[in-house]
Amino acid sequence: MTPSIPDHVRRMPLIAAATGDRPSRRPVWFMRQAGRSLPEYRELRVGRGMLESCFDADLVTEITMQPVRRHDVDAAILFSDIVVPLRAAGVDLDIVAGTGPVIAHPVRDRAAVRALPRLDPKSVGSVAHAVGNILGELPEHTSLIGFAGAPFTLASYLVEGGPSRNYERTKALMHGEPEVWNELVGALADITITFLRVQLEAGVHAVQLFDSWAGMLSLADYERFVAPHSRRVLAEVADFGRPRIHFGVGTGELLHAMGEVGADVVGVDWRIPLDVAARRIGSGRAVQGNIDPAVLFAPWEVVEGHVRRVVAEGDAAVAAGAAGHIVNLGHGVLPSTDPDVLTRIVELVHTL
């Protein structure tokens, strides 16, 4: 039996919009709102590595709370990284400044797949501890979102050995050895499920599954090689009754399929209007997005016009059958973004 959402959680603007209720104010938050755009974050991170920071409960708490204090956003997202559960499980990797995750020993054959470690929930106990700390500090209207990387995106890092432009090794394994591919992505689904359940058991109000690089796939490849594994992840956390958000970049042609894997909310990047996206996704699911992160560098009057257009398209999406609209960027906050612009956007959205 799926538990009901407590009344005080249901009243949170983000949760209300995600579940088809009318929020007390239009919810807004930003992917990568906690991080390099904030001077207080840069000061705190001096001399501390990224992964080291992600396993320090006190540091995670402070970094997660920084944008909440500064911007009055309607959600905090747990400060972490999609490779944190891989590192916790024992995969030899690091996050290299200017590059991203780098895998010491790429996974490209059956033997390497079968050597992958499993995730012990105790190894991410600091994450659960941080969730408890954050819940004790959040304003009552502000939701806490937990997150994890989707199996495909994690697999692409493991197979390629790091970020990639073309994902040639990933696609070669996917098509050339589909049994090995499914074994790999199945193992990663197990890790993702464990990591999300740790966060949900600790009390997060919603979770977001990032399939950051799914947009590199055709619809046919997504449905055959990716969707079954993402569907299993989202199904295995459905018993908590908390909204499940699903997001990828460049996924305009995949939106319906991404909604069908079990998402309650589908994130949309800036390439497609929200009302068009809502028709592709299908009725009954909320949409999230989709301010262009690069537009935030334009003069304020341009930014304001862009935000107003996105909000209007979100309203049109709801009129077209979407359960609600959560205002966000179409991808993460860019590092050199002026944080004052983010604050002004939140103030504007809350007046609309």
Protein backbone atom coordinates (compact mmCIF):
# COMPACT_ATOMS: atom_id res chain seq x y z
CA MET A 1 0.00 0.00 0.00
CA THR A 2 1.41 3.40 -1.01
CA PRO A 3 1.52 5.80 1.95
CA SER A 4 -0.30 9.10 1.64
CA ILE A 5 1.65 12.33 1.67
CA PRO A 6 1.35 14.10 5.05
CA ASP A 7 -0.75 17.27 4.92
CA HIS A 8 2.13 19.59 5.84
CA VAL A 9 4.19 18.14 2.98
CA ARG A 10 1.32 18.23 0.51
CA ARG A 11 0.91 21.96 1.21
CA MET A 12 4.48 22.72 0.13
CA PRO A 13 4.27 24.62 -3.19
CA LEU A 14 6.53 22.22 -5.08
CA ILE A 15 4.71 19.12 -3.83
CA ALA A 16 1.31 20.68 -4.56
CA ALA A 17 2.32 21.48 -8.14
CA ALA A 18 3.85 18.02 -8.59
CA THR A 19 0.71 16.22 -7.41
CA GLY A 20 -1.98 18.24 -9.15
CA ASP A 21 -3.00 20.49 -6.26
CA ARG A 22 -3.07 24.28 -6.41
CA PRO A 23 0.08 25.66 -4.76
CA SER A 24 -0.02 28.62 -2.39
CA ARG A 25 2.56 30.29 -4.62
CA ARG A 26 4.16 29.36 -7.93
CA PRO A 27 7.08 27.04 -7.05
CA VAL A 28 10.57 27.77 -8.34
CA TRP A 29 14.01 26.28 -7.76
CA PHE A 30 17.14 25.88 -9.88
CA MET A 31 19.18 22.85 -10.79
CA ARG A 32 22.76 23.39 -9.52
CA GLN A 33 21.51 26.26 -7.35
CA ALA A 34 23.97 25.14 -4.67
CA GLY A 35 27.44 25.52 -6.08
CA ARG A 36 29.89 27.54 -8.06
CA SER A 37 27.69 30.57 -8.72
CA LEU A 38 27.62 31.40 -4.99
CA PRO A 39 30.60 33.19 -3.41
CA GLU A 40 29.78 31.65 -0.04
CA TYR A 41 30.06 28.21 -1.63
CA ARG A 42 33.42 28.95 -3.24
CA GLU A 43 34.74 30.22 0.09
CA LEU A 44 33.56 27.09 1.88
CA ARG A 45 35.08 24.74 -0.69
CA VAL A 46 38.62 26.14 -0.56
CA GLY A 47 40.98 23.22 0.03
CA ARG A 48 38.19 20.62 -0.09
CA GLY A 49 37.67 18.18 -2.95
CA MET A 50 34.23 17.70 -4.48
CA LEU A 51 33.76 14.09 -3.44
CA GLU A 52 35.22 14.76 0.00
CA SER A 53 32.59 17.48 0.42
CA CYS A 54 29.76 15.16 -0.65
CA PHE A 55 30.52 12.73 2.20
CA ASP A 56 30.73 15.41 4.93
CA ALA A 57 27.24 15.70 6.45
CA ASP A 58 27.82 19.12 7.99
CA LEU A 59 29.26 20.50 4.75
CA VAL A 60 26.41 19.00 2.69
CA THR A 61 23.92 20.61 5.05
CA GLU A 62 25.49 24.05 4.80
CA ILE A 63 25.92 23.97 1.01
CA THR A 64 22.36 22.70 0.48
CA MET A 65 20.96 25.50 2.64
CA GLN A 66 22.94 28.37 1.06
CA PRO A 67 20.62 28.98 -1.93
CA VAL A 68 17.55 28.59 0.27
CA ARG A 69 18.73 31.42 2.50
CA ARG A 70 19.89 33.60 -0.39
CA HIS A 71 17.12 33.09 -2.96
CA ASP A 72 13.99 31.94 -1.04
CA VAL A 73 13.55 29.07 -3.51
CA ASP A 74 10.73 26.60 -2.90
CA ALA A 75 13.01 23.58 -2.84
CA ALA A 76 16.47 22.64 -1.69
CA ILE A 77 18.22 19.88 -3.60
CA LEU A 78 20.65 17.73 -1.68
CA PHE A 79 24.24 18.72 -2.45
CA SER A 80 25.78 15.64 -4.00
CA ASP A 81 26.90 14.26 -7.36
CA ILE A 82 25.57 11.46 -9.51
CA VAL A 83 28.79 9.44 -9.04
CA VAL A 84 28.60 9.56 -5.22
CA PRO A 85 26.92 6.12 -4.92
CA LEU A 86 29.49 4.63 -7.29
CA ARG A 87 32.32 5.99 -5.17
CA ALA A 88 30.59 4.80 -2.00
CA ALA A 89 30.24 1.33 -3.50
CA GLY A 90 33.97 1.21 -4.19
CA VAL A 91 34.36 2.23 -7.83
CA ASP A 92 37.75 3.90 -8.35
CA LEU A 93 36.84 7.35 -9.70
CA ASP A 94 37.41 11.03 -9.10
CA ILE A 95 35.84 14.32 -10.13
CA VAL A 96 38.50 16.27 -11.99
CA ALA A 97 38.11 20.05 -12.08
CA GLY A 98 37.30 21.22 -15.59
CA THR A 99 36.61 17.68 -16.80
CA GLY A 100 34.09 15.93 -14.57
CA PRO A 101 33.96 12.33 -13.38
CA VAL A 102 36.93 10.23 -14.49
CA ILE A 103 36.88 6.44 -14.07
CA ALA A 104 40.22 4.77 -13.32
CA HIS A 105 39.22 1.43 -14.88
CA PRO A 106 36.45 1.73 -17.50
CA VAL A 107 33.84 -1.03 -17.62
CA ARG A 108 33.71 -2.48 -21.14
CA ASP A 109 33.22 -6.25 -20.90
CA ARG A 110 31.28 -8.89 -19.01
CA ALA A 111 34.08 -9.56 -16.52
CA ALA A 112 34.28 -5.88 -15.57
CA VAL A 113 30.49 -5.72 -15.23
CA ARG A 114 30.43 -8.70 -12.91
CA ALA A 115 33.24 -7.21 -10.84
CA LEU A 116 31.19 -4.08 -10.10
CA PRO A 117 30.56 -3.72 -6.36
CA ARG A 118 27.11 -3.32 -4.80
CA LEU A 119 26.12 -0.35 -2.69
CA ASP A 120 25.88 -0.93 1.06
CA PRO A 121 23.38 1.62 2.46
CA LYS A 122 25.71 2.14 5.43
CA SER A 123 28.37 3.55 3.09
CA VAL A 124 26.14 6.55 2.39
CA GLY A 125 25.10 7.03 6.00
CA SER A 126 26.56 10.55 5.92
CA VAL A 127 24.03 11.41 3.20
CA ALA A 128 21.15 10.24 5.38
CA HIS A 129 22.62 12.21 8.28
CA ALA A 130 22.77 15.33 6.11
CA VAL A 131 19.12 14.89 5.08
CA GLY A 132 18.10 14.86 8.74
CA ASN A 133 20.13 17.99 9.44
CA ILE A 134 18.66 19.85 6.46
CA LEU A 135 15.09 18.94 7.37
CA GLY A 136 15.70 20.54 10.74
CA GLU A 137 16.75 23.83 9.12
CA LEU A 138 14.39 24.21 6.15
CA PRO A 139 11.52 26.71 6.25
CA GLU A 140 8.20 24.85 6.52
CA HIS A 141 7.16 25.66 2.94
CA THR A 142 10.43 24.48 1.39
CA SER A 143 10.78 20.95 0.02
CA LEU A 144 13.94 18.85 0.05
CA ILE A 145 14.69 16.97 -3.15
CA GLY A 146 16.96 13.95 -3.16
CA PHE A 147 18.47 12.72 -6.39
CA ALA A 148 20.47 10.11 -8.22
CA GLY A 149 21.90 9.50 -11.66
CA ALA A 150 19.86 7.25 -13.92
CA PRO A 151 21.39 3.91 -14.93
CA PHE A 152 22.09 4.95 -18.54
CA THR A 153 23.99 8.11 -17.60
CA LEU A 154 26.01 6.27 -14.95
CA ALA A 155 26.76 3.53 -17.47
CA SER A 156 27.95 6.05 -20.04
CA TYR A 157 30.53 7.40 -17.59
CA LEU A 158 31.71 3.91 -16.65
CA VAL A 159 32.02 2.71 -20.23
CA GLU A 160 33.57 5.85 -21.69
CA GLY A 161 35.83 6.41 -18.68
CA GLY A 162 34.58 9.98 -18.32
CA PRO A 163 32.54 12.59 -20.21
CA SER A 164 32.07 12.01 -23.93
CA ARG A 165 30.92 13.90 -27.01
CA ASN A 166 29.67 10.96 -29.08
CA TYR A 167 29.27 8.04 -26.62
CA GLU A 168 30.74 5.72 -29.22
CA ARG A 169 31.93 3.07 -26.75
CA THR A 170 28.60 3.18 -24.91
CA LYS A 171 26.58 2.72 -28.08
CA ALA A 172 28.95 0.04 -29.36
CA LEU A 173 28.43 -2.01 -26.18
CA MET A 174 24.70 -1.34 -26.19
CA HIS A 175 24.22 -2.57 -29.75
CA GLY A 176 27.09 -5.02 -30.03
CA GLU A 177 26.64 -6.87 -26.73
CA PRO A 178 23.10 -6.17 -25.52
CA GLU A 179 23.22 -8.90 -22.87
CA VAL A 180 26.33 -7.39 -21.30
CA TRP A 181 24.76 -3.95 -21.57
CA ASN A 182 21.60 -5.02 -19.78
CA GLU A 183 23.62 -6.72 -17.06
CA LEU A 184 25.62 -3.50 -16.55
CA VAL A 185 22.63 -1.18 -16.48
CA GLY A 186 20.73 -3.60 -14.27
CA ALA A 187 23.55 -3.53 -11.72
CA LEU A 188 23.58 0.27 -11.83
CA ALA A 189 19.81 0.33 -11.37
CA ASP A 190 20.33 -1.62 -8.13
CA ILE A 191 22.84 1.00 -6.93
CA THR A 192 20.53 3.86 -7.88
CA ILE A 193 17.54 2.28 -6.12
CA THR A 194 19.54 1.78 -2.93
CA PHE A 195 20.81 5.37 -2.99
CA LEU A 196 17.35 6.86 -3.56
CA ARG A 197 15.79 4.69 -0.87
CA VAL A 198 18.40 5.83 1.66
CA GLN A 199 17.42 9.43 0.94
CA LEU A 200 13.68 8.71 1.04
CA GLU A 201 13.97 6.78 4.30
CA ALA A 202 15.83 9.78 5.73
CA GLY A 203 12.88 11.99 4.83
CA VAL A 204 13.36 13.81 1.49
CA HIS A 205 10.08 15.11 0.10
CA ALA A 206 10.72 14.25 -3.56
CA VAL A 207 13.41 12.67 -5.71
CA GLN A 208 14.84 13.55 -9.10
CA LEU A 209 16.33 10.98 -11.43
CA PHE A 210 18.90 12.63 -13.70
CA ASP A 211 19.35 10.93 -17.05
CA SER A 212 21.57 13.78 -18.14
CA TRP A 213 22.79 12.28 -21.41
CA ALA A 214 19.71 10.35 -22.58
CA GLY A 215 19.21 12.98 -25.28
CA MET A 216 22.11 11.38 -27.17
CA LEU A 217 19.83 8.43 -27.98
CA SER A 218 17.18 7.79 -30.58
CA LEU A 219 13.68 7.05 -29.33
CA ALA A 220 14.03 3.42 -30.41
CA ASP A 221 17.31 2.99 -28.52
CA TYR A 222 15.90 4.71 -25.45
CA GLU A 223 12.85 2.46 -25.36
CA ARG A 224 14.86 -0.72 -25.92
CA PHE A 225 18.03 -0.17 -23.89
CA VAL A 226 17.20 2.44 -21.25
CA ALA A 227 13.51 2.74 -20.41
CA PRO A 228 13.13 -0.71 -18.75
CA HIS A 229 15.89 0.09 -16.26
CA SER A 230 14.68 3.61 -15.43
CA ARG A 231 11.17 2.19 -15.07
CA ARG A 232 12.43 -0.31 -12.50
CA VAL A 233 14.23 2.42 -10.54
CA LEU A 234 11.14 4.62 -10.33
CA ALA A 235 8.89 1.65 -9.53
CA GLU A 236 11.15 0.56 -6.66
CA VAL A 237 10.73 3.92 -4.91
CA ALA A 238 7.01 4.35 -5.61
CA ASP A 239 6.07 2.86 -2.24
CA PHE A 240 7.18 6.06 -0.49
CA GLY A 241 4.41 8.01 -2.22
CA ARG A 242 6.72 10.97 -2.88
CA PRO A 243 6.86 12.77 -6.25
CA ARG A 244 9.40 11.39 -8.72
CA ILE A 245 10.95 13.90 -11.14
CA HIS A 246 12.74 12.72 -14.29
CA PHE A 247 15.08 14.97 -16.28
CA GLY A 248 17.46 14.80 -19.21
CA VAL A 249 19.05 17.24 -21.63
CA GLY A 250 18.09 17.33 -25.31
CA THR A 251 15.23 14.90 -24.71
CA GLY A 252 12.48 16.63 -26.70
CA GLU A 253 11.92 13.50 -28.80
CA LEU A 254 11.94 11.26 -25.72
CA LEU A 255 9.53 13.18 -23.47
CA HIS A 256 6.58 10.82 -23.82
CA ALA A 257 8.76 7.79 -23.17
CA MET A 258 10.41 9.46 -20.17
CA GLY A 259 7.01 10.18 -18.67
CA GLU A 260 5.90 6.60 -19.31
CA VAL A 261 8.71 5.11 -17.20
CA GLY A 262 6.94 6.25 -14.04
CA ALA A 263 7.71 9.92 -13.55
CA ASP A 264 5.23 12.19 -11.79
CA VAL A 265 7.09 15.27 -13.08
CA VAL A 266 9.09 15.51 -16.30
CA GLY A 267 11.83 18.11 -16.56
CA VAL A 268 12.08 19.93 -19.89
CA ASP A 269 15.14 21.70 -21.24
CA TRP A 270 14.99 25.07 -23.02
CA ARG A 271 14.71 23.70 -26.56
CA ILE A 272 10.95 23.11 -26.57
CA PRO A 273 8.03 25.20 -25.20
CA LEU A 274 6.42 23.74 -22.09
CA ASP A 275 2.95 23.55 -23.61
CA VAL A 276 4.30 21.55 -26.55
CA ALA A 277 6.24 19.37 -24.13
CA ALA A 278 3.12 18.73 -22.04
CA ARG A 279 1.24 17.44 -25.08
CA ARG A 280 4.13 15.08 -25.85
CA ILE A 281 4.38 13.85 -22.26
CA GLY A 282 0.65 13.26 -21.90
CA SER A 283 -1.85 14.47 -19.33
CA GLY A 284 -1.61 13.84 -15.62
CA ARG A 285 2.08 14.59 -15.15
CA ALA A 286 3.55 17.91 -14.07
CA VAL A 287 6.26 19.70 -16.06
CA GLN A 288 9.39 21.35 -14.72
CA GLY A 289 11.50 24.01 -16.43
CA ASN A 290 12.54 25.54 -18.66
CA ILE A 291 14.34 28.91 -18.50
CA ASP A 292 17.44 28.99 -20.72
CA PRO A 293 20.45 29.23 -18.34
CA ALA A 294 22.38 31.34 -20.87
CA VAL A 295 19.65 33.99 -21.07
CA LEU A 296 20.45 34.91 -17.46
CA PHE A 297 23.52 36.77 -18.78
CA ALA A 298 21.34 39.20 -20.78
CA PRO A 299 20.05 42.55 -19.42
CA TRP A 300 17.35 42.19 -16.76
CA GLU A 301 14.53 43.32 -19.03
CA VAL A 302 15.41 40.46 -21.39
CA VAL A 303 15.57 37.96 -18.52
CA GLU A 304 12.24 39.17 -17.18
CA GLY A 305 10.56 38.81 -20.55
CA HIS A 306 11.97 35.32 -20.97
CA VAL A 307 10.79 34.24 -17.50
CA ARG A 308 7.31 35.64 -18.11
CA ARG A 309 7.10 33.72 -21.39
CA VAL A 310 8.16 30.46 -19.70
CA VAL A 311 5.56 30.97 -16.96
CA ALA A 312 2.87 31.64 -19.57
CA GLU A 313 3.86 28.47 -21.41
CA GLY A 314 3.71 26.61 -18.10
CA ASP A 315 0.16 27.85 -17.59
CA ALA A 316 -0.66 26.71 -21.12
CA ALA A 317 0.84 23.32 -20.28
CA VAL A 318 -1.50 23.01 -17.28
CA ALA A 319 -4.42 24.02 -19.49
CA ALA A 320 -3.35 21.27 -21.89
CA GLY A 321 -3.53 18.64 -19.16
CA ALA A 322 -0.30 18.85 -17.17
CA ALA A 323 -0.79 18.33 -13.44
CA GLY A 324 1.21 21.46 -12.60
CA HIS A 325 4.27 23.56 -13.43
CA ILE A 326 7.44 23.89 -11.38
CA VAL A 327 9.58 26.79 -12.60
CA ASN A 328 13.23 25.88 -13.11
CA LEU A 329 16.03 26.24 -15.62
CA GLY A 330 16.27 24.00 -18.64
CA HIS A 331 19.58 22.73 -17.21
CA GLY A 332 21.87 23.75 -14.35
CA VAL A 333 22.97 27.19 -13.19
CA LEU A 334 26.11 28.15 -15.12
CA PRO A 335 29.14 28.82 -12.89
CA SER A 336 29.54 32.52 -13.74
CA THR A 337 25.85 33.36 -13.30
CA ASP A 338 25.20 36.44 -11.15
CA PRO A 339 23.37 35.03 -8.10
CA ASP A 340 21.43 38.28 -7.73
CA VAL A 341 19.71 37.48 -11.04
CA LEU A 342 18.51 34.18 -9.57
CA THR A 343 17.12 36.01 -6.55
CA ARG A 344 15.28 38.45 -8.81
CA ILE A 345 13.81 35.59 -10.83
CA VAL A 346 12.45 33.97 -7.67
CA GLU A 347 10.92 37.26 -6.58
CA LEU A 348 9.35 37.72 -10.02
CA VAL A 349 7.96 34.17 -10.21
CA HIS A 350 6.40 34.53 -6.77
CA THR A 351 4.49 37.61 -7.94
CA LEU A 352 3.04 35.96 -11.04
